[in-house]
């Protein structure tokens, strides 16, 4: 089976679309992805040859070297073997731990779903909402106080604009009347002086009578213009205040009141929303047990995941030490062979093995660069073919050394995977797998479980029309009827060979495979994208 489908690449062709996304977004997965890429592209054979030459070199060195040289080799070999044994033990421990991690993750997800179904998210937000409610209540109280202050001042006068205009008019008439009274008094005094002057000048009685009649008539006309009754008698400061209030102040107060009323309404609406959210949140006594279960499941998963990461880091560090030890052995083998080795033939074999390993390492580097460059192009092409936002990603590059995957936009800037939506991350993961399959010469089937979780309608349509019919020469899809529905099933119909419905028999407690998809449609009975 290993010859047909190597273990390292099995996950690239038999995958759960929801789980495989972690292969491309988890930074610690580059090593696993690198192993899969090497196996898929045939680069692992070159690495195996390099390892075999090292074995030959070590064997010849031990058999043909002097006692002193052989002792140095044996010390380094024991150190390398001890490191290899520790790596193997830790790898076994890590492998055994993985089952516990997966079970703990599943338990944590189950507890989280129960927590959410019980209103846990509302419960988590309740404290935040209650704090926010107090803040909004304070602000609403301050706004109400400002409105009351305005209402206690001049603002109510804005409700009687006609009365205010009447007061202004009355004030104007009174002021004009007062001015006219002053003028009348002055004129009376002036008229009296004029008549006295005429008498002293011995004017005729007729002239004096005419002048007196004219002056009295003029005063009577002016007296008629003074008809306003003095009801207000406003002082000069009061008159100025009335004018300022009518021309500017009331408009300013109205604008200020409108802003405060709008702010207060917005605050009240926010408070109502918060109160509804707080009321919707379950009480502590109602959700306490669910919360504790969720916390316990999360704590267990976090502890196991941390332990798994610690083991991964320790394994990586030991592999670095092992590599350093192997490098020391290589340098020891490549030393002054003519002096150290007793037999010339063995010395020549050791030298040839070293040269072969150096040459193959250079070949591996160049071949990796070339194949990785082609693979990057295929992944980019697949991603842009399936992605809804065509201009979002311009190219995708894989580092030949670390096998880390980086996305670049049209400006040539690195694009963080965190900027991708959940659906786009899944499309990206599928694109990586599709690119690997296209770069490989292995005609392997693609088995895809729950292919369209987290995808929107456009991305689902792209998968159905573009990916499923072209993913491989044989594609097996394990889907629900909400993923591949009647419309998508009809679109896939030209590419479908067989369809089966896995039905669970409650009585016999077994799963039975029945021909046909979820619905009983005779025309579709022998169909499925090889599903």
Protein backbone atom coordinates (compact mmCIF):
# COMPACT_ATOMS: atom_id res chain seq x y z
CA UNK A 1 0.00 0.00 0.00
CA UNK A 2 2.93 2.32 0.80
CA UNK A 3 4.18 1.86 -2.78
CA UNK A 4 0.79 2.82 -4.24
CA UNK A 5 -0.14 5.66 -1.87
CA UNK A 6 2.79 6.74 0.35
CA UNK A 7 1.70 7.65 3.86
CA UNK A 8 3.10 11.18 3.58
CA UNK A 9 0.85 12.05 0.64
CA UNK A 10 -2.28 10.13 1.60
CA UNK A 11 -3.72 13.15 3.42
CA UNK A 12 -3.36 15.20 0.23
CA UNK A 13 -5.71 12.94 -1.73
CA UNK A 14 -7.96 11.56 1.00
CA UNK A 15 -9.00 14.60 2.98
CA UNK A 16 -11.68 16.33 5.00
CA UNK A 17 -12.05 19.80 3.49
CA UNK A 18 -12.70 21.28 6.95
CA UNK A 19 -9.62 19.67 8.53
CA UNK A 20 -7.20 20.03 5.63
CA UNK A 21 -7.39 23.83 5.99
CA UNK A 22 -5.09 23.55 9.02
CA UNK A 23 -2.39 22.14 6.73
CA UNK A 24 -2.00 25.54 5.07
CA UNK A 25 -2.78 27.94 7.92
CA UNK A 26 -0.88 26.34 10.81
CA UNK A 27 2.70 27.58 10.85
CA UNK A 28 3.91 24.31 12.41
CA UNK A 29 2.60 22.28 9.47
CA UNK A 30 5.33 23.30 7.01
CA UNK A 31 7.38 20.22 7.91
CA UNK A 32 4.50 17.85 7.20
CA UNK A 33 3.68 19.71 3.99
CA UNK A 34 7.35 19.58 2.96
CA UNK A 35 7.49 15.79 3.50
CA UNK A 36 4.34 15.36 1.43
CA UNK A 37 5.66 17.58 -1.37
CA UNK A 38 8.98 15.72 -1.48
CA UNK A 39 7.26 12.34 -1.61
CA UNK A 40 4.76 13.51 -4.21
CA UNK A 41 7.39 15.04 -6.49
CA UNK A 42 9.87 12.16 -6.06
CA UNK A 43 12.40 14.24 -4.13
CA UNK A 44 12.35 11.80 -1.22
CA UNK A 45 14.26 9.30 -3.39
CA UNK A 46 17.17 11.72 -3.63
CA UNK A 47 17.14 12.22 0.13
CA UNK A 48 17.15 8.45 0.57
CA UNK A 49 20.21 8.19 -1.72
CA UNK A 50 22.00 10.86 0.30
CA UNK A 51 21.25 8.92 3.49
CA UNK A 52 22.46 5.64 1.92
CA UNK A 53 25.79 7.20 0.87
CA UNK A 54 26.26 8.38 4.44
CA UNK A 55 25.69 4.79 5.65
CA UNK A 56 28.22 3.43 3.13
CA UNK A 57 30.71 6.10 4.11
CA UNK A 58 30.31 5.32 7.79
CA UNK A 59 30.63 1.57 7.25
CA UNK A 60 33.82 1.92 5.16
CA UNK A 61 35.29 4.42 7.59
CA UNK A 62 34.78 2.11 10.54
CA UNK A 63 36.21 -0.92 8.76
CA UNK A 64 39.24 0.78 7.25
CA UNK A 65 40.12 3.51 9.69
CA UNK A 66 42.83 3.46 12.32
CA UNK A 67 41.89 2.71 15.90
CA UNK A 68 41.98 6.37 16.94
CA UNK A 69 39.86 7.50 14.04
CA UNK A 70 37.43 4.61 14.53
CA UNK A 71 37.02 5.53 18.19
CA UNK A 72 36.02 9.10 17.23
CA UNK A 73 33.53 7.75 14.71
CA UNK A 74 32.02 5.35 17.23
CA UNK A 75 31.57 8.14 19.79
CA UNK A 76 29.72 10.31 17.28
CA UNK A 77 27.67 7.36 16.05
CA UNK A 78 26.60 6.51 19.61
CA UNK A 79 25.61 10.14 20.12
CA UNK A 80 23.67 10.12 16.85
CA UNK A 81 21.98 6.83 17.76
CA UNK A 82 20.98 8.15 21.18
CA UNK A 83 19.48 11.23 19.55
CA UNK A 84 17.67 9.05 17.02
CA UNK A 85 16.29 6.85 19.81
CA UNK A 86 15.08 9.89 21.74
CA UNK A 87 13.45 11.27 18.61
CA UNK A 88 11.74 7.94 17.98
CA UNK A 89 10.48 7.71 21.57
CA UNK A 90 9.21 11.28 21.50
CA UNK A 91 7.61 10.70 18.10
CA UNK A 92 5.84 7.64 19.46
CA UNK A 93 4.71 9.66 22.48
CA UNK A 94 3.58 12.45 20.19
CA UNK A 95 1.68 10.01 17.99
CA UNK A 96 -0.07 8.48 20.99
CA UNK A 97 -0.88 11.95 22.30
CA UNK A 98 -2.48 12.94 18.99
CA UNK A 99 -5.46 10.67 19.63
CA UNK A 100 -6.01 12.32 23.02
CA UNK A 101 -5.66 15.76 21.42
CA UNK A 102 -8.23 14.94 18.75
CA UNK A 103 -10.67 13.51 21.29
CA UNK A 104 -10.16 16.52 23.56
CA UNK A 105 -10.68 18.86 20.60
CA UNK A 106 -13.90 17.06 19.67
CA UNK A 107 -15.08 17.21 23.30
CA UNK A 108 -14.20 20.91 23.45
CA UNK A 109 -16.14 21.59 20.24
CA UNK A 110 -19.14 19.63 21.55
CA UNK A 111 -19.04 21.55 24.83
CA UNK A 112 -18.71 24.81 22.93
CA UNK A 113 -21.72 24.00 20.75
CA UNK A 114 -23.73 23.18 23.87
CA UNK A 115 -22.46 26.38 25.48
CA UNK A 116 -23.52 28.42 22.44
CA UNK A 117 -26.89 26.64 22.19
CA UNK A 118 -27.52 27.49 25.85
CA UNK A 119 -26.95 31.18 25.18
CA UNK A 120 -23.33 31.14 26.27
CA UNK A 121 -22.25 33.96 23.99
CA UNK A 122 -24.95 36.18 25.47
CA UNK A 123 -23.83 35.14 28.92
CA UNK A 124 -20.22 36.05 28.11
CA UNK A 125 -21.29 39.44 26.83
CA UNK A 126 -23.59 40.16 29.77
CA UNK A 127 -20.87 41.63 32.01
CA UNK A 128 -19.58 43.76 29.15
CA UNK A 129 -23.11 44.87 28.34
CA UNK A 130 -23.89 45.71 31.95
CA UNK A 131 -20.78 47.89 32.16
CA UNK A 132 -21.70 49.52 28.89
CA UNK A 133 -25.25 50.05 30.19
CA UNK A 134 -23.97 51.97 33.23
CA UNK A 135 -21.84 54.15 30.99
CA UNK A 136 -24.77 54.91 28.66
CA UNK A 137 -27.08 55.58 31.60
CA UNK A 138 -24.59 58.14 32.92
CA UNK A 139 -24.36 59.82 29.54
CA UNK A 140 -28.16 59.77 29.14
CA UNK A 141 -28.53 61.37 32.59
CA UNK A 142 -26.05 64.10 31.66
CA UNK A 143 -27.96 64.75 28.43
CA UNK A 144 -31.27 64.94 30.29
CA UNK A 145 -29.73 67.42 32.76
CA UNK A 146 -28.56 69.61 29.89
CA UNK A 147 -32.04 69.50 28.33
CA UNK A 148 -33.65 70.44 31.67
CA UNK A 149 -31.22 73.33 32.01
CA UNK A 150 -32.21 74.58 28.57
CA UNK A 151 -35.90 74.12 29.38
CA UNK A 152 -35.46 76.13 32.59
CA UNK A 153 -33.96 79.03 30.66
CA UNK A 154 -34.94 80.90 27.52
CA UNK A 155 -35.66 77.91 25.29
CA UNK A 156 -39.46 77.72 26.02
CA UNK A 157 -39.83 81.14 24.34
CA UNK A 158 -39.15 79.33 21.05
CA UNK A 159 -42.62 77.84 21.44
CA UNK A 160 -44.31 81.32 21.17
CA UNK A 161 -42.54 83.03 18.27
CA UNK A 162 -45.63 85.15 17.34
CA UNK A 163 -45.97 86.45 20.91
CA UNK A 164 -42.27 87.31 20.91
CA UNK A 165 -42.71 89.28 17.67
CA UNK A 166 -45.68 91.12 19.20
CA UNK A 167 -43.55 92.07 22.22
CA UNK A 168 -40.84 93.38 19.91
CA UNK A 169 -43.39 95.41 17.98
CA UNK A 170 -44.92 96.83 21.19
CA UNK A 171 -41.47 97.75 22.49
CA UNK A 172 -40.67 99.52 19.23
CA UNK A 173 -43.92 101.49 19.35
CA UNK A 174 -43.34 102.44 22.95
CA UNK A 175 -39.83 103.64 22.19
CA UNK A 176 -41.07 105.65 19.22
CA UNK A 177 -43.87 107.12 21.37
CA UNK A 178 -41.42 108.10 24.09
CA UNK A 179 -39.17 109.73 21.55
CA UNK A 180 -42.19 111.58 20.08
CA UNK A 181 -43.20 112.84 23.58
CA UNK A 182 -39.74 114.27 24.11
CA UNK A 183 -39.88 115.95 20.73
CA UNK A 184 -43.38 117.36 21.54
CA UNK A 185 -42.16 118.92 24.76
CA UNK A 186 -39.22 120.50 22.99
CA UNK A 187 -41.49 121.80 20.23
CA UNK A 188 -43.95 123.30 22.76
CA UNK A 189 -41.07 125.11 24.44
CA UNK A 190 -39.76 126.26 21.06
CA UNK A 191 -43.23 127.45 19.93
CA UNK A 192 -43.68 129.46 23.07
CA UNK A 193 -40.33 131.17 22.53
CA UNK A 194 -41.23 131.87 18.90
CA UNK A 195 -44.56 133.52 19.80
CA UNK A 196 -42.86 135.53 22.53
CA UNK A 197 -40.33 136.72 20.01
CA UNK A 198 -43.09 137.78 17.61
CA UNK A 199 -44.82 139.74 20.39
CA UNK A 200 -41.60 141.50 21.34
CA UNK A 201 -41.07 142.34 17.67
CA UNK A 202 -44.58 143.98 17.75
CA UNK A 203 -45.93 141.69 15.09
CA UNK A 204 -49.54 142.20 14.17
CA UNK A 205 -52.20 140.25 16.03
CA UNK A 206 -53.14 138.46 12.80
CA UNK A 207 -49.58 137.24 12.21
CA UNK A 208 -49.28 136.03 15.79
CA UNK A 209 -52.66 134.27 15.57
CA UNK A 210 -51.71 132.52 12.29
CA UNK A 211 -48.36 131.40 13.65
CA UNK A 212 -49.96 130.13 16.86
CA UNK A 213 -52.61 128.21 14.87
CA UNK A 214 -49.96 126.58 12.66
CA UNK A 215 -47.77 125.59 15.55
CA UNK A 216 -50.69 124.09 17.54
CA UNK A 217 -51.79 122.12 14.45
CA UNK A 218 -48.29 120.69 14.00
CA UNK A 219 -48.14 119.61 17.63
CA UNK A 220 -51.58 117.94 17.42
CA UNK A 221 -50.43 115.88 14.40
CA UNK A 222 -47.31 114.81 16.19
CA UNK A 223 -49.34 113.98 19.30
CA UNK A 224 -51.49 111.61 17.17
CA UNK A 225 -48.33 109.63 16.23
CA UNK A 226 -47.63 109.00 19.90
CA UNK A 227 -50.67 106.74 20.26
CA UNK A 228 -48.82 103.59 21.68
CA UNK A 229 -49.84 102.89 25.25
CA UNK A 230 -46.77 102.31 27.48
CA UNK A 231 -47.42 98.74 28.75
CA UNK A 232 -43.89 97.24 28.72
CA UNK A 233 -41.60 100.14 29.48
CA UNK A 234 -38.49 98.00 28.89
CA UNK A 235 -35.15 99.28 30.09
CA UNK A 236 -32.23 99.60 27.69
CA UNK A 237 -30.60 96.28 28.87
CA UNK A 238 -33.97 94.51 28.58
CA UNK A 239 -34.44 95.91 25.08
CA UNK A 240 -30.96 94.68 24.07
CA UNK A 241 -31.66 91.23 25.53
CA UNK A 242 -34.96 91.02 23.66
CA UNK A 243 -33.25 91.91 20.38
CA UNK A 244 -30.41 89.37 20.91
CA UNK A 245 -32.91 86.68 21.88
CA UNK A 246 -35.00 87.20 18.74
CA UNK A 247 -32.16 87.57 16.26
CA UNK A 248 -29.60 84.93 17.44
CA UNK A 249 -30.01 83.30 20.80
CA UNK A 250 -33.21 81.33 20.22
CA UNK A 251 -31.87 79.76 17.01
CA UNK A 252 -28.70 78.67 18.84
CA UNK A 253 -30.72 77.21 21.68
CA UNK A 254 -32.95 75.30 19.25
CA UNK A 255 -29.96 73.80 17.43
CA UNK A 256 -28.37 72.83 20.74
CA UNK A 257 -31.63 71.25 21.91
CA UNK A 258 -32.03 69.29 18.64
CA UNK A 259 -28.52 67.84 18.99
CA UNK A 260 -29.17 66.88 22.61
CA UNK A 261 -32.54 65.31 21.77
CA UNK A 262 -30.99 63.27 18.95
CA UNK A 263 -28.12 62.17 21.21
CA UNK A 264 -30.54 61.26 23.98
CA UNK A 265 -32.69 59.25 21.57
CA UNK A 266 -29.65 57.36 20.29
CA UNK A 267 -28.54 56.64 23.86
CA UNK A 268 -32.01 55.40 24.80
CA UNK A 269 -32.09 53.13 21.74
CA UNK A 270 -28.68 51.70 22.63
CA UNK A 271 -29.84 51.18 26.21
CA UNK A 272 -32.95 49.36 25.02
CA UNK A 273 -30.81 47.09 22.82
CA UNK A 274 -28.45 46.37 25.71
CA UNK A 275 -31.30 45.63 28.06
CA UNK A 276 -32.80 43.19 25.57
CA UNK A 277 -29.41 41.51 25.24
CA UNK A 278 -29.00 41.32 29.00
CA UNK A 279 -32.50 39.88 29.36
CA UNK A 280 -31.75 37.30 26.66
CA UNK A 281 -28.63 36.14 28.51
CA UNK A 282 -29.20 33.11 30.72
CA UNK A 283 -28.71 33.53 34.44
CA UNK A 284 -25.68 32.09 36.20
CA UNK A 285 -27.72 29.37 37.86
CA UNK A 286 -29.19 28.35 34.49
CA UNK A 287 -25.92 27.98 32.59
CA UNK A 288 -23.43 27.35 35.39
CA UNK A 289 -23.00 23.62 34.72
CA UNK A 290 -22.64 24.13 30.96
CA UNK A 291 -20.01 26.84 31.56
CA UNK A 292 -18.02 24.59 33.86
CA UNK A 293 -18.11 21.76 31.32
CA UNK A 294 -16.99 24.12 28.57
CA UNK A 295 -14.17 25.50 30.72
CA UNK A 296 -13.02 22.03 31.70
CA UNK A 297 -13.07 20.78 28.09
CA UNK A 298 -11.22 23.88 26.91
CA UNK A 299 -8.63 23.58 29.66
CA UNK A 300 -8.03 19.89 28.87
CA UNK A 301 -7.70 20.56 25.15
CA UNK A 302 -5.36 23.52 25.78
CA UNK A 303 -3.18 21.42 28.10
CA UNK A 304 -2.95 18.53 25.64
CA UNK A 305 -2.36 20.86 22.72
CA UNK A 306 0.39 22.65 24.65
CA UNK A 307 1.99 19.32 25.47
CA UNK A 308 1.80 18.31 21.80
CA UNK A 309 3.44 21.57 20.77
CA UNK A 310 6.14 21.08 23.42
CA UNK A 311 6.89 17.62 22.05
CA UNK A 312 6.96 18.99 18.51
CA UNK A 313 9.44 21.68 19.55
CA UNK A 314 11.60 19.14 21.42
CA UNK A 315 11.61 16.81 18.41
CA UNK A 316 12.63 19.68 16.13
CA UNK A 317 15.47 20.62 18.52
CA UNK A 318 16.68 17.00 18.71
CA UNK A 319 16.62 16.72 14.93
CA UNK A 320 18.80 19.80 14.75
CA UNK A 321 21.24 18.16 17.19
CA UNK A 322 21.11 14.94 15.16
CA UNK A 323 21.85 16.90 12.00
CA UNK A 324 24.81 18.58 13.69
CA UNK A 325 26.10 15.20 14.82
CA UNK A 326 25.74 13.82 11.28
CA UNK A 327 27.61 16.85 9.93
CA UNK A 328 30.44 16.19 12.39
CA UNK A 329 30.59 12.59 11.19
CA UNK A 330 30.67 13.75 7.58
CA UNK A 331 33.54 16.14 8.30
CA UNK A 332 35.36 13.36 10.12
CA UNK A 333 34.92 11.05 7.12
CA UNK A 334 36.02 13.77 4.74
CA UNK A 335 39.20 14.57 6.69
CA UNK A 336 42.69 13.53 5.78
CA UNK A 337 41.68 10.11 4.40
CA UNK A 338 45.11 9.25 3.11
CA UNK A 339 46.55 9.43 6.63
CA UNK A 340 43.71 7.88 8.55
CA UNK A 341 42.63 4.94 6.40
CA UNK A 342 44.81 1.86 6.17
CA UNK A 343 43.45 0.60 2.83
CA UNK A 344 43.57 2.74 -0.28
CA UNK A 345 40.40 1.19 -1.78
CA UNK A 346 38.37 2.02 1.29
CA UNK A 347 39.73 5.56 1.24
CA UNK A 348 38.65 5.92 -2.37
CA UNK A 349 35.14 4.59 -1.57
CA UNK A 350 34.78 7.02 1.33
CA UNK A 351 35.88 9.91 -0.87
CA UNK A 352 33.48 8.87 -3.64
CA UNK A 353 30.61 8.51 -1.16
CA UNK A 354 31.31 12.01 0.18
CA UNK A 355 31.47 13.48 -3.33
CA UNK A 356 28.28 11.63 -4.27
CA UNK A 357 26.46 12.99 -1.24
CA UNK A 358 27.64 16.54 -1.93
CA UNK A 359 26.60 16.26 -5.58
CA UNK A 360 23.20 14.82 -4.72
CA UNK A 361 22.61 17.53 -2.10
CA UNK A 362 23.30 20.14 -4.77
CA UNK A 363 21.03 18.25 -7.18
CA UNK A 364 18.28 18.04 -4.53
CA UNK A 365 18.50 21.78 -3.92
CA UNK A 366 18.29 22.62 -7.64
CA UNK A 367 15.56 20.07 -8.34
CA UNK A 368 13.58 21.30 -5.35
CA UNK A 369 13.85 24.91 -6.52
CA UNK A 370 12.72 23.99 -10.03
CA UNK A 371 9.84 21.76 -8.98
CA UNK A 372 8.72 24.08 -6.20
CA UNK A 373 8.66 26.96 -8.67
CA UNK A 374 6.41 24.94 -11.00
CA UNK A 375 4.26 23.83 -8.07
CA UNK A 376 3.87 27.46 -6.91
CA UNK A 377 2.63 28.36 -10.38
CA UNK A 378 0.11 25.51 -10.42
CA UNK A 379 -1.21 26.41 -6.96
CA UNK A 380 -1.54 30.07 -7.98
CA UNK A 381 -3.39 29.07 -11.14
CA UNK A 382 -5.73 26.76 -9.19
CA UNK A 383 -6.44 29.34 -6.50
CA UNK A 384 -7.24 32.13 -8.95
CA UNK A 385 -9.39 29.69 -10.95
CA UNK A 386 -11.51 28.83 -7.90
CA UNK A 387 -11.46 32.15 -6.03
CA UNK A 388 -14.36 34.59 -6.36
CA UNK A 389 -12.14 37.70 -5.89
CA UNK A 390 -9.85 37.36 -8.91
CA UNK A 391 -7.70 40.41 -8.13
CA UNK A 392 -7.12 39.55 -4.47
CA UNK A 393 -4.07 37.26 -4.93
CA UNK A 394 -1.59 37.70 -7.75
CA UNK A 395 0.76 34.81 -6.98
CA UNK A 396 1.58 32.17 -4.37
CA UNK A 397 5.14 31.17 -3.53
CA UNK A 398 6.52 28.20 -1.58
CA UNK A 399 9.88 28.59 0.18
CA UNK A 400 12.08 25.69 -1.06
CA UNK A 401 13.88 25.57 2.28
CA UNK A 402 11.05 25.75 4.79
CA UNK A 403 8.08 24.95 2.50
CA UNK A 404 6.23 27.87 4.04
CA UNK A 405 3.51 29.22 1.72
CA UNK A 406 3.20 32.98 1.15
CA UNK A 407 0.50 34.87 -0.77
CA UNK A 408 1.25 38.10 -2.67
CA UNK A 409 -1.15 40.75 -3.94
CA UNK A 410 -0.97 42.69 -7.23
CA UNK A 411 1.41 45.24 -5.63
CA UNK A 412 3.88 42.48 -4.76
CA UNK A 413 3.21 42.75 -1.01
CA UNK A 414 2.88 39.68 1.18
CA UNK A 415 -0.74 38.99 2.09
CA UNK A 416 -1.45 37.59 5.55
CA UNK A 417 -3.63 34.48 5.53
CA UNK A 418 -5.56 36.07 8.41
CA UNK A 419 -7.08 38.46 5.86
CA UNK A 420 -8.75 35.52 4.12
CA UNK A 421 -12.28 34.60 5.14
CA UNK A 422 -13.00 31.09 6.39
CA UNK A 423 -14.36 30.14 2.97
CA UNK A 424 -11.33 31.62 1.19
CA UNK A 425 -8.99 29.69 3.49
CA UNK A 426 -10.75 26.47 2.52
CA UNK A 427 -10.53 27.35 -1.18
CA UNK A 428 -6.83 28.08 -0.64
CA UNK A 429 -6.29 24.68 1.02
CA UNK A 430 -8.08 22.90 -1.82
CA UNK A 431 -5.99 24.85 -4.35
CA UNK A 432 -2.77 23.66 -2.65
CA UNK A 433 -3.95 20.06 -2.88
CA UNK A 434 -5.08 20.46 -6.46
CA UNK A 435 -1.76 22.04 -7.42
CA UNK A 436 0.11 19.14 -5.80
CA UNK A 437 -2.04 16.61 -7.63
CA UNK A 438 -1.43 18.36 -10.96
CA UNK A 439 2.33 18.51 -10.32
CA UNK A 440 2.48 14.78 -9.50
CA UNK A 441 2.74 12.01 -12.04
CA UNK A 442 0.78 9.68 -9.76
CA UNK A 443 -2.78 8.94 -11.02
CA UNK A 444 -4.29 8.88 -7.55
CA UNK A 445 -8.02 9.23 -6.82
CA UNK A 446 -9.27 12.20 -4.81
CA UNK A 447 -11.53 11.42 -1.86
CA UNK A 448 -13.16 14.54 -0.39
CA UNK A 449 -15.28 14.60 2.77
CA UNK A 450 -17.66 17.53 3.55
CA UNK A 451 -16.27 19.52 0.63
CA UNK A 452 -18.23 22.75 0.93
CA UNK A 453 -18.43 23.64 4.62
CA UNK A 454 -17.98 27.39 5.29
CA UNK A 455 -18.26 28.28 1.58
CA UNK A 456 -20.59 30.89 0.13
CA UNK A 457 -22.76 30.29 -2.95
CA UNK A 458 -20.20 31.60 -5.47
CA UNK A 459 -17.34 29.46 -4.14
CA UNK A 460 -19.62 26.42 -3.99
CA UNK A 461 -20.58 26.94 -7.61
CA UNK A 462 -16.90 27.26 -8.58
CA UNK A 463 -16.08 23.98 -6.81
CA UNK A 464 -18.95 22.16 -8.49
CA UNK A 465 -18.26 23.47 -11.98
CA UNK A 466 -14.47 23.77 -11.95
CA UNK A 467 -12.86 21.60 -9.27
CA UNK A 468 -14.88 18.42 -8.87
CA UNK A 469 -14.89 17.47 -12.57
CA UNK A 470 -11.11 18.14 -12.87
CA UNK A 471 -9.68 17.21 -9.46
CA UNK A 472 -8.48 13.79 -10.64
CA UNK A 473 -9.29 10.95 -13.02
CA UNK A 474 -11.46 9.56 -10.22
CA UNK A 475 -13.17 11.66 -7.55
CA UNK A 476 -15.13 10.37 -4.55
CA UNK A 477 -17.25 12.97 -2.76
CA UNK A 478 -18.78 12.33 0.65
CA UNK A 479 -21.36 15.08 1.03
CA UNK A 480 -24.65 15.96 2.63
CA UNK A 481 -27.76 16.95 0.68
CA UNK A 482 -27.34 20.54 1.95
CA UNK A 483 -23.90 20.74 0.32
CA UNK A 484 -24.53 19.03 -3.00
CA UNK A 485 -28.21 19.83 -3.42
CA UNK A 486 -30.46 19.16 -6.43
CA UNK A 487 -29.08 22.07 -8.47
CA UNK A 488 -25.44 21.16 -7.87
CA UNK A 489 -26.21 17.49 -8.42
CA UNK A 490 -27.77 18.33 -11.78
CA UNK A 491 -24.70 20.39 -12.72
CA UNK A 492 -22.44 17.42 -11.87
CA UNK A 493 -24.62 14.89 -13.67
CA UNK A 494 -22.49 14.67 -16.88
CA UNK A 495 -19.44 13.69 -14.77
CA UNK A 496 -21.15 11.25 -12.39
CA UNK A 497 -20.58 7.50 -12.63
CA UNK A 498 -22.19 6.21 -9.43
CA UNK A 499 -24.13 7.59 -6.48
CA UNK A 500 -24.77 5.89 -3.15
CA UNK A 501 -26.73 6.88 -0.09
CA UNK A 502 -25.33 5.67 3.24
CA UNK A 503 -28.39 4.93 5.35
CA UNK A 504 -28.17 3.92 9.02
CA UNK A 505 -30.46 1.06 10.06
CA UNK A 506 -31.54 1.75 13.64
CA UNK A 507 -32.86 -1.78 14.21
CA UNK A 508 -29.75 -3.66 13.08
CA UNK A 509 -27.36 -0.82 13.98
CA UNK A 510 -25.51 -0.97 10.69
CA UNK A 511 -24.96 1.43 7.80
CA UNK A 512 -26.31 0.26 4.46
CA UNK A 513 -25.18 1.61 1.08
CA UNK A 514 -28.10 2.15 -1.28
CA UNK A 515 -27.82 3.22 -4.90
CA UNK A 516 -29.03 6.72 -5.63
CA UNK A 517 -28.57 10.05 -3.92
CA UNK A 518 -30.63 11.34 -0.96
CA UNK A 519 -33.83 11.77 -2.94
CA UNK A 520 -35.41 8.79 -4.72
CA UNK A 521 -35.05 9.85 -8.34
CA UNK A 522 -34.94 6.96 -10.79
CA UNK A 523 -33.20 9.05 -13.46
CA UNK A 524 -30.33 9.65 -11.03
CA UNK A 525 -30.17 6.17 -9.54
CA UNK A 526 -26.79 5.28 -11.12
CA UNK A 527 -24.91 8.50 -10.55
CA UNK A 528 -22.44 10.57 -8.37
CA UNK A 529 -19.03 12.37 -9.06
CA UNK A 530 -17.72 8.93 -8.30
CA UNK A 531 -19.33 9.44 -4.87
